[in-house]
Amino acid sequence: MKEPVKSPRTYNATRRQAAAERTRLTILAAARELFAERGYVATSVQAVADRAQVALDTVYATVGRKPQLLLAVHDMVLAEGPAAVQAEQRDYVRAVRAAPTAAAKLRTYAAAMGRLLPDTVPIMSALREAGASDASCAEQYQLISERRATNMRLLAADLRSTGELRDDLTDDLVAELIWSLNSPEWFTLITSRGHSPGEYGDLLADVLCRTLLTSEEAFARPSR
């Protein structure tokens, strides 16, 4: 049996969608480079358009204004790839969910934070500072913080499913503790005292395991 022939209209739509996604990724790559080079305040949307070699209106139509650009770049960093993906599709989230014990989940998560926060914290700091005079930046900062809190509740539920969380801690309290310790503020405080991001990750894992878990594994550091 012959396969049905795709109509030219369908083919053209597919090509347009692929081209639009390539343009979006080019814009985000340009924005990420410029934010890293110049900082948030000194980077204009026009500069992003120029670096991506697209029209200014294309940036606005494809991604949005500068706060939306920064948010998209933030999510690209968390995805550890060329494009932003939903939280459940990120490699480190999948690794956490696949880990067999609560301690393994927390150590996998903490290692990911030590790897990712050096890139995301400057973005969040820039967004918070810009929010002092720009309401849209303040709104985006709050959005990311609340989204992170929601994701921590999902992590708490995953940890609870192992049966290794302390019974006297609610899932909300577990989520709030993790949320506070993976914050830009706590990461900055720890690293400002001379600790490396890797050491931050080790400390985060140790604090979370010792605070949240009941099993003996919580007190056993993994061998390196």
C-alpha atoms as a PDB file:
ATOM      1  CA  MET A   1       0.000   0.000   0.000  1.00  0.00           C
ATOM      2  CA  LYS A   2       1.333   3.415  -0.942  1.00  0.00           C
ATOM      3  CA  GLU A   3       1.930   5.936   1.815  1.00  0.00           C
ATOM      4  CA  PRO A   4      -0.325   8.985   1.611  1.00  0.00           C
ATOM      5  CA  VAL A   5       1.346  11.928  -0.058  1.00  0.00           C
ATOM      6  CA  LYS A   6       1.764  14.931   2.202  1.00  0.00           C
ATOM      7  CA  SER A   7       0.149  18.059   0.898  1.00  0.00           C
ATOM      8  CA  PRO A   8       2.447  20.989   0.037  1.00  0.00           C
ATOM      9  CA  ARG A   9       0.654  23.034   2.691  1.00  0.00           C
ATOM     10  CA  THR A  10       1.602  20.558   5.448  1.00  0.00           C
ATOM     11  CA  TYR A  11       5.185  20.385   4.207  1.00  0.00           C
ATOM     12  CA  ASN A  12       5.516  24.147   4.114  1.00  0.00           C
ATOM     13  CA  ALA A  13       4.062  24.492   7.618  1.00  0.00           C
ATOM     14  CA  THR A  14       6.589  21.972   8.937  1.00  0.00           C
ATOM     15  CA  ARG A  15       9.432  23.855   7.301  1.00  0.00           C
ATOM     16  CA  ARG A  16       8.206  27.151   8.736  1.00  0.00           C
ATOM     17  CA  GLN A  17       8.000  25.682  12.235  1.00  0.00           C
ATOM     18  CA  ALA A  18      11.527  24.292  11.964  1.00  0.00           C
ATOM     19  CA  ALA A  19      12.841  27.627  10.716  1.00  0.00           C
ATOM     20  CA  ALA A  20      11.064  29.472  13.534  1.00  0.00           C
ATOM     21  CA  GLU A  21      12.638  27.155  16.131  1.00  0.00           C
ATOM     22  CA  ARG A  22      16.097  27.669  14.610  1.00  0.00           C
ATOM     23  CA  THR A  23      15.578  31.420  14.816  1.00  0.00           C
ATOM     24  CA  ARG A  24      14.459  31.160  18.435  1.00  0.00           C
ATOM     25  CA  LEU A  25      17.517  29.121  19.409  1.00  0.00           C
ATOM     26  CA  THR A  26      19.801  31.576  17.615  1.00  0.00           C
ATOM     27  CA  ILE A  27      18.236  34.468  19.530  1.00  0.00           C
ATOM     28  CA  LEU A  28      18.588  32.685  22.865  1.00  0.00           C
ATOM     29  CA  ALA A  29      22.218  31.787  22.170  1.00  0.00           C
ATOM     30  CA  ALA A  30      22.937  35.440  21.358  1.00  0.00           C
ATOM     31  CA  ALA A  31      21.138  36.613  24.504  1.00  0.00           C
ATOM     32  CA  ARG A  32      23.033  34.154  26.682  1.00  0.00           C
ATOM     33  CA  GLU A  33      26.374  35.330  25.272  1.00  0.00           C
ATOM     34  CA  LEU A  34      25.551  38.999  25.747  1.00  0.00           C
ATOM     35  CA  PHE A  35      24.157  38.628  29.266  1.00  0.00           C
ATOM     36  CA  ALA A  36      27.365  36.789  30.206  1.00  0.00           C
ATOM     37  CA  GLU A  37      29.603  39.380  28.528  1.00  0.00           C
ATOM     38  CA  ARG A  38      27.854  42.627  29.490  1.00  0.00           C
ATOM     39  CA  GLY A  39      25.358  41.842  32.228  1.00  0.00           C
ATOM     40  CA  TYR A  40      21.626  42.352  32.165  1.00  0.00           C
ATOM     41  CA  VAL A  41      21.459  46.151  32.425  1.00  0.00           C
ATOM     42  CA  ALA A  42      24.031  46.799  29.687  1.00  0.00           C
ATOM     43  CA  THR A  43      22.452  44.347  27.239  1.00  0.00           C
ATOM     44  CA  SER A  44      19.758  45.822  25.016  1.00  0.00           C
ATOM     45  CA  VAL A  45      17.235  43.831  23.015  1.00  0.00           C
ATOM     46  CA  GLN A  46      18.616  45.566  19.932  1.00  0.00           C
ATOM     47  CA  ALA A  47      22.072  44.182  20.762  1.00  0.00           C
ATOM     48  CA  VAL A  48      20.580  40.684  20.990  1.00  0.00           C
ATOM     49  CA  ALA A  49      18.897  41.181  17.613  1.00  0.00           C
ATOM     50  CA  ASP A  50      22.159  42.384  16.097  1.00  0.00           C
ATOM     51  CA  ARG A  51      24.140  39.467  17.512  1.00  0.00           C
ATOM     52  CA  ALA A  52      21.510  36.997  16.246  1.00  0.00           C
ATOM     53  CA  GLN A  53      21.328  38.833  12.901  1.00  0.00           C
ATOM     54  CA  VAL A  54      17.558  39.215  13.023  1.00  0.00           C
ATOM     55  CA  ALA A  55      15.199  42.176  13.154  1.00  0.00           C
ATOM     56  CA  LEU A  56      14.288  43.681  16.522  1.00  0.00           C
ATOM     57  CA  ASP A  57      10.623  42.824  15.964  1.00  0.00           C
ATOM     58  CA  THR A  58      11.628  39.198  15.397  1.00  0.00           C
ATOM     59  CA  VAL A  59      13.103  39.027  18.912  1.00  0.00           C
ATOM     60  CA  TYR A  60       9.936  40.472  20.418  1.00  0.00           C
ATOM     61  CA  ALA A  61       7.675  38.159  18.416  1.00  0.00           C
ATOM     62  CA  THR A  62       9.759  35.030  18.967  1.00  0.00           C
ATOM     63  CA  VAL A  63      10.788  35.320  22.626  1.00  0.00           C
ATOM     64  CA  GLY A  64       9.552  38.601  24.091  1.00  0.00           C
ATOM     65  CA  ARG A  65      11.031  41.598  25.879  1.00  0.00           C
ATOM     66  CA  LYS A  66      14.237  41.575  27.892  1.00  0.00           C
ATOM     67  CA  PRO A  67      12.833  39.938  31.070  1.00  0.00           C
ATOM     68  CA  GLN A  68      11.399  37.128  28.953  1.00  0.00           C
ATOM     69  CA  LEU A  69      14.753  36.745  27.221  1.00  0.00           C
ATOM     70  CA  LEU A  70      16.493  36.414  30.563  1.00  0.00           C
ATOM     71  CA  LEU A  71      13.935  33.871  31.773  1.00  0.00           C
ATOM     72  CA  ALA A  72      14.404  31.798  28.596  1.00  0.00           C
ATOM     73  CA  VAL A  73      18.189  31.907  29.016  1.00  0.00           C
ATOM     74  CA  HIS A  74      17.806  30.846  32.667  1.00  0.00           C
ATOM     75  CA  ASP A  75      15.750  27.831  31.605  1.00  0.00           C
ATOM     76  CA  MET A  76      18.246  27.008  28.856  1.00  0.00           C
ATOM     77  CA  VAL A  77      20.986  26.800  31.486  1.00  0.00           C
ATOM     78  CA  LEU A  78      18.875  24.482  33.641  1.00  0.00           C
ATOM     79  CA  ALA A  79      18.260  22.259  30.618  1.00  0.00           C
ATOM     80  CA  GLU A  80      22.038  21.957  30.109  1.00  0.00           C
ATOM     81  CA  GLY A  81      21.514  22.140  26.374  1.00  0.00           C
ATOM     82  CA  PRO A  82      20.738  24.477  23.469  1.00  0.00           C
ATOM     83  CA  ALA A  83      17.031  24.791  24.282  1.00  0.00           C
ATOM     84  CA  ALA A  84      14.843  25.219  27.344  1.00  0.00           C
ATOM     85  CA  VAL A  85      12.681  22.241  28.298  1.00  0.00           C
ATOM     86  CA  GLN A  86      10.051  21.576  30.937  1.00  0.00           C
ATOM     87  CA  ALA A  87      11.398  20.724  34.395  1.00  0.00           C
ATOM     88  CA  GLU A  88      10.415  17.053  34.187  1.00  0.00           C
ATOM     89  CA  GLN A  89      12.400  16.698  30.943  1.00  0.00           C
ATOM     90  CA  ARG A  90      15.684  18.001  32.343  1.00  0.00           C
ATOM     91  CA  ASP A  91      18.386  15.353  32.613  1.00  0.00           C
ATOM     92  CA  TYR A  92      19.149  15.996  36.269  1.00  0.00           C
ATOM     93  CA  VAL A  93      15.455  15.807  37.225  1.00  0.00           C
ATOM     94  CA  ARG A  94      15.172  12.445  35.473  1.00  0.00           C
ATOM     95  CA  ALA A  95      18.309  11.270  37.283  1.00  0.00           C
ATOM     96  CA  VAL A  96      16.866  12.323  40.643  1.00  0.00           C
ATOM     97  CA  ARG A  97      13.630  10.459  39.993  1.00  0.00           C
ATOM     98  CA  ALA A  98      15.504   7.350  38.862  1.00  0.00           C
ATOM     99  CA  ALA A  99      17.716   7.245  41.969  1.00  0.00           C
ATOM    100  CA  PRO A 100      16.741   4.287  44.200  1.00  0.00           C
ATOM    101  CA  THR A 101      16.896   5.880  47.664  1.00  0.00           C
ATOM    102  CA  ALA A 102      16.091   9.237  49.213  1.00  0.00           C
ATOM    103  CA  ALA A 103      19.753   9.836  50.011  1.00  0.00           C
ATOM    104  CA  ALA A 104      20.737   9.065  46.420  1.00  0.00           C
ATOM    105  CA  LYS A 105      18.041  11.428  45.174  1.00  0.00           C
ATOM    106  CA  LEU A 106      19.259  14.245  47.404  1.00  0.00           C
ATOM    107  CA  ARG A 107      22.903  13.732  46.512  1.00  0.00           C
ATOM    108  CA  THR A 108      22.067  13.654  42.797  1.00  0.00           C
ATOM    109  CA  TYR A 109      20.044  16.824  43.177  1.00  0.00           C
ATOM    110  CA  ALA A 110      22.709  18.606  45.214  1.00  0.00           C
ATOM    111  CA  ALA A 111      25.424  17.722  42.705  1.00  0.00           C
ATOM    112  CA  ALA A 112      23.280  19.217  39.952  1.00  0.00           C
ATOM    113  CA  MET A 113      22.844  22.424  41.954  1.00  0.00           C
ATOM    114  CA  GLY A 114      26.591  22.699  42.422  1.00  0.00           C
ATOM    115  CA  ARG A 115      26.957  22.364  38.670  1.00  0.00           C
ATOM    116  CA  LEU A 116      24.139  24.692  37.595  1.00  0.00           C
ATOM    117  CA  LEU A 117      23.924  27.481  40.161  1.00  0.00           C
ATOM    118  CA  PRO A 118      27.192  29.169  39.122  1.00  0.00           C
ATOM    119  CA  ASP A 119      25.423  30.009  35.849  1.00  0.00           C
ATOM    120  CA  THR A 120      21.883  30.651  37.078  1.00  0.00           C
ATOM    121  CA  VAL A 121      22.655  32.707  40.194  1.00  0.00           C
ATOM    122  CA  PRO A 122      24.169  35.649  38.252  1.00  0.00           C
ATOM    123  CA  ILE A 123      21.034  35.663  36.079  1.00  0.00           C
ATOM    124  CA  MET A 124      18.749  35.711  39.103  1.00  0.00           C
ATOM    125  CA  SER A 125      20.854  38.368  40.822  1.00  0.00           C
ATOM    126  CA  ALA A 126      20.689  40.586  37.743  1.00  0.00           C
ATOM    127  CA  LEU A 127      16.944  40.092  37.525  1.00  0.00           C
ATOM    128  CA  ARG A 128      16.468  40.944  41.225  1.00  0.00           C
ATOM    129  CA  GLU A 129      18.586  44.089  40.936  1.00  0.00           C
ATOM    130  CA  ALA A 130      16.751  45.220  37.812  1.00  0.00           C
ATOM    131  CA  GLY A 131      13.461  44.587  39.601  1.00  0.00           C
ATOM    132  CA  ALA A 132      14.167  47.501  41.922  1.00  0.00           C
ATOM    133  CA  SER A 133      13.289  49.870  39.064  1.00  0.00           C
ATOM    134  CA  ASP A 134      11.537  47.625  36.547  1.00  0.00           C
ATOM    135  CA  ALA A 135       8.232  46.030  37.550  1.00  0.00           C
ATOM    136  CA  SER A 136       8.399  43.446  34.765  1.00  0.00           C
ATOM    137  CA  CYS A 137      11.783  42.226  36.055  1.00  0.00           C
ATOM    138  CA  ALA A 138      10.445  42.032  39.609  1.00  0.00           C
ATOM    139  CA  GLU A 139       7.507  40.004  38.300  1.00  0.00           C
ATOM    140  CA  GLN A 140       9.796  37.574  36.455  1.00  0.00           C
ATOM    141  CA  TYR A 141      11.985  37.148  39.526  1.00  0.00           C
ATOM    142  CA  GLN A 142       8.939  36.304  41.628  1.00  0.00           C
ATOM    143  CA  LEU A 143       7.702  33.938  38.929  1.00  0.00           C
ATOM    144  CA  ILE A 144      10.943  31.978  38.937  1.00  0.00           C
ATOM    145  CA  SER A 145      11.020  31.842  42.746  1.00  0.00           C
ATOM    146  CA  GLU A 146       7.450  30.543  42.930  1.00  0.00           C
ATOM    147  CA  ARG A 147       8.060  28.049  40.146  1.00  0.00           C
ATOM    148  CA  ARG A 148      11.102  26.772  42.021  1.00  0.00           C
ATOM    149  CA  ALA A 149       8.958  26.387  45.155  1.00  0.00           C
ATOM    150  CA  THR A 150       6.414  24.352  43.196  1.00  0.00           C
ATOM    151  CA  ASN A 151       9.145  22.078  41.850  1.00  0.00           C
ATOM    152  CA  MET A 152      10.467  21.562  45.388  1.00  0.00           C
ATOM    153  CA  ARG A 153       7.057  20.273  46.442  1.00  0.00           C
ATOM    154  CA  LEU A 154       7.303  17.696  43.653  1.00  0.00           C
ATOM    155  CA  LEU A 155      10.760  16.729  44.900  1.00  0.00           C
ATOM    156  CA  ALA A 156       9.434  16.410  48.448  1.00  0.00           C
ATOM    157  CA  ALA A 157       6.675  14.075  47.246  1.00  0.00           C
ATOM    158  CA  ASP A 158       9.257  11.980  45.376  1.00  0.00           C
ATOM    159  CA  LEU A 159      11.367  11.741  48.523  1.00  0.00           C
ATOM    160  CA  ARG A 160       8.303  10.815  50.592  1.00  0.00           C
ATOM    161  CA  SER A 161       7.588   7.915  48.247  1.00  0.00           C
ATOM    162  CA  THR A 162      10.803   6.206  49.403  1.00  0.00           C
ATOM    163  CA  GLY A 163       9.546   5.960  52.986  1.00  0.00           C
ATOM    164  CA  GLU A 164      12.808   7.485  54.245  1.00  0.00           C
ATOM    165  CA  LEU A 165      11.689  11.022  55.129  1.00  0.00           C
ATOM    166  CA  ARG A 166      11.203  11.908  58.773  1.00  0.00           C
ATOM    167  CA  ASP A 167       7.570  11.444  59.790  1.00  0.00           C
ATOM    168  CA  ASP A 168       7.538  14.641  61.836  1.00  0.00           C
ATOM    169  CA  LEU A 169       8.241  16.810  58.777  1.00  0.00           C
ATOM    170  CA  THR A 170       5.463  17.757  56.384  1.00  0.00           C
ATOM    171  CA  ASP A 171       6.099  17.767  52.661  1.00  0.00           C
ATOM    172  CA  ASP A 172       5.588  21.538  52.635  1.00  0.00           C
ATOM    173  CA  LEU A 173       8.291  22.012  55.264  1.00  0.00           C
ATOM    174  CA  VAL A 174      10.652  19.697  53.369  1.00  0.00           C
ATOM    175  CA  ALA A 175      10.030  21.678  50.182  1.00  0.00           C
ATOM    176  CA  GLU A 176      10.590  25.005  51.934  1.00  0.00           C
ATOM    177  CA  LEU A 177      13.886  23.854  53.420  1.00  0.00           C
ATOM    178  CA  ILE A 178      15.229  22.674  50.064  1.00  0.00           C
ATOM    179  CA  TRP A 179      13.921  25.859  48.408  1.00  0.00           C
ATOM    180  CA  SER A 180      15.783  28.054  50.884  1.00  0.00           C
ATOM    181  CA  LEU A 181      19.053  26.132  50.631  1.00  0.00           C
ATOM    182  CA  ASN A 182      19.159  26.086  46.814  1.00  0.00           C
ATOM    183  CA  SER A 183      18.425  29.800  46.655  1.00  0.00           C
ATOM    184  CA  PRO A 184      20.748  32.331  45.011  1.00  0.00           C
ATOM    185  CA  GLU A 185      21.174  33.939  48.436  1.00  0.00           C
ATOM    186  CA  TRP A 186      22.428  30.810  50.220  1.00  0.00           C
ATOM    187  CA  PHE A 187      24.650  29.765  47.314  1.00  0.00           C
ATOM    188  CA  THR A 188      26.198  33.245  47.262  1.00  0.00           C
ATOM    189  CA  LEU A 189      26.777  33.239  51.023  1.00  0.00           C
ATOM    190  CA  ILE A 190      28.528  29.861  50.955  1.00  0.00           C
ATOM    191  CA  THR A 191      30.704  30.551  47.924  1.00  0.00           C
ATOM    192  CA  SER A 192      31.585  34.044  49.215  1.00  0.00           C
ATOM    193  CA  ARG A 193      33.355  32.322  52.109  1.00  0.00           C
ATOM    194  CA  GLY A 194      35.782  30.667  49.700  1.00  0.00           C
ATOM    195  CA  HIS A 195      33.943  27.403  49.059  1.00  0.00           C
ATOM    196  CA  SER A 196      33.768  26.096  45.501  1.00  0.00           C
ATOM    197  CA  PRO A 197      30.445  25.259  43.806  1.00  0.00           C
ATOM    198  CA  GLY A 198      31.343  21.584  44.187  1.00  0.00           C
ATOM    199  CA  GLU A 199      31.882  22.039  47.913  1.00  0.00           C
ATOM    200  CA  TYR A 200      28.543  23.853  48.088  1.00  0.00           C
ATOM    201  CA  GLY A 201      26.933  20.815  46.445  1.00  0.00           C
ATOM    202  CA  ASP A 202      28.556  18.448  48.946  1.00  0.00           C
ATOM    203  CA  LEU A 203      27.457  20.608  51.868  1.00  0.00           C
ATOM    204  CA  LEU A 204      23.924  20.883  50.505  1.00  0.00           C
ATOM    205  CA  ALA A 205      23.662  17.105  50.181  1.00  0.00           C
ATOM    206  CA  ASP A 206      25.018  16.555  53.689  1.00  0.00           C
ATOM    207  CA  VAL A 207      22.695  19.109  55.301  1.00  0.00           C
ATOM    208  CA  LEU A 208      19.621  17.799  53.495  1.00  0.00           C
ATOM    209  CA  CYS A 209      20.338  14.134  54.172  1.00  0.00           C
ATOM    210  CA  ARG A 210      21.092  14.690  57.848  1.00  0.00           C
ATOM    211  CA  THR A 211      18.099  16.981  58.334  1.00  0.00           C
ATOM    212  CA  LEU A 212      15.399  15.216  56.353  1.00  0.00           C
ATOM    213  CA  LEU A 213      16.076  11.487  56.420  1.00  0.00           C
ATOM    214  CA  THR A 214      15.710   8.760  59.008  1.00  0.00           C
ATOM    215  CA  SER A 215      17.874   6.018  57.495  1.00  0.00           C
ATOM    216  CA  GLU A 216      21.505   5.384  58.389  1.00  0.00           C
ATOM    217  CA  GLU A 217      22.395   6.158  54.790  1.00  0.00           C
ATOM    218  CA  ALA A 218      21.703   9.799  55.555  1.00  0.00           C
ATOM    219  CA  PHE A 219      24.895   9.916  57.647  1.00  0.00           C
ATOM    220  CA  ALA A 220      27.132   8.014  55.246  1.00  0.00           C
ATOM    221  CA  ARG A 221      29.114  10.143  52.806  1.00  0.00           C
ATOM    222  CA  PRO A 222      29.533   8.470  49.402  1.00  0.00           C
ATOM    223  CA  SER A 223      33.079   7.410  48.570  1.00  0.00           C
ATOM    224  CA  ARG A 224      34.854   9.349  45.838  1.00  0.00           C
END
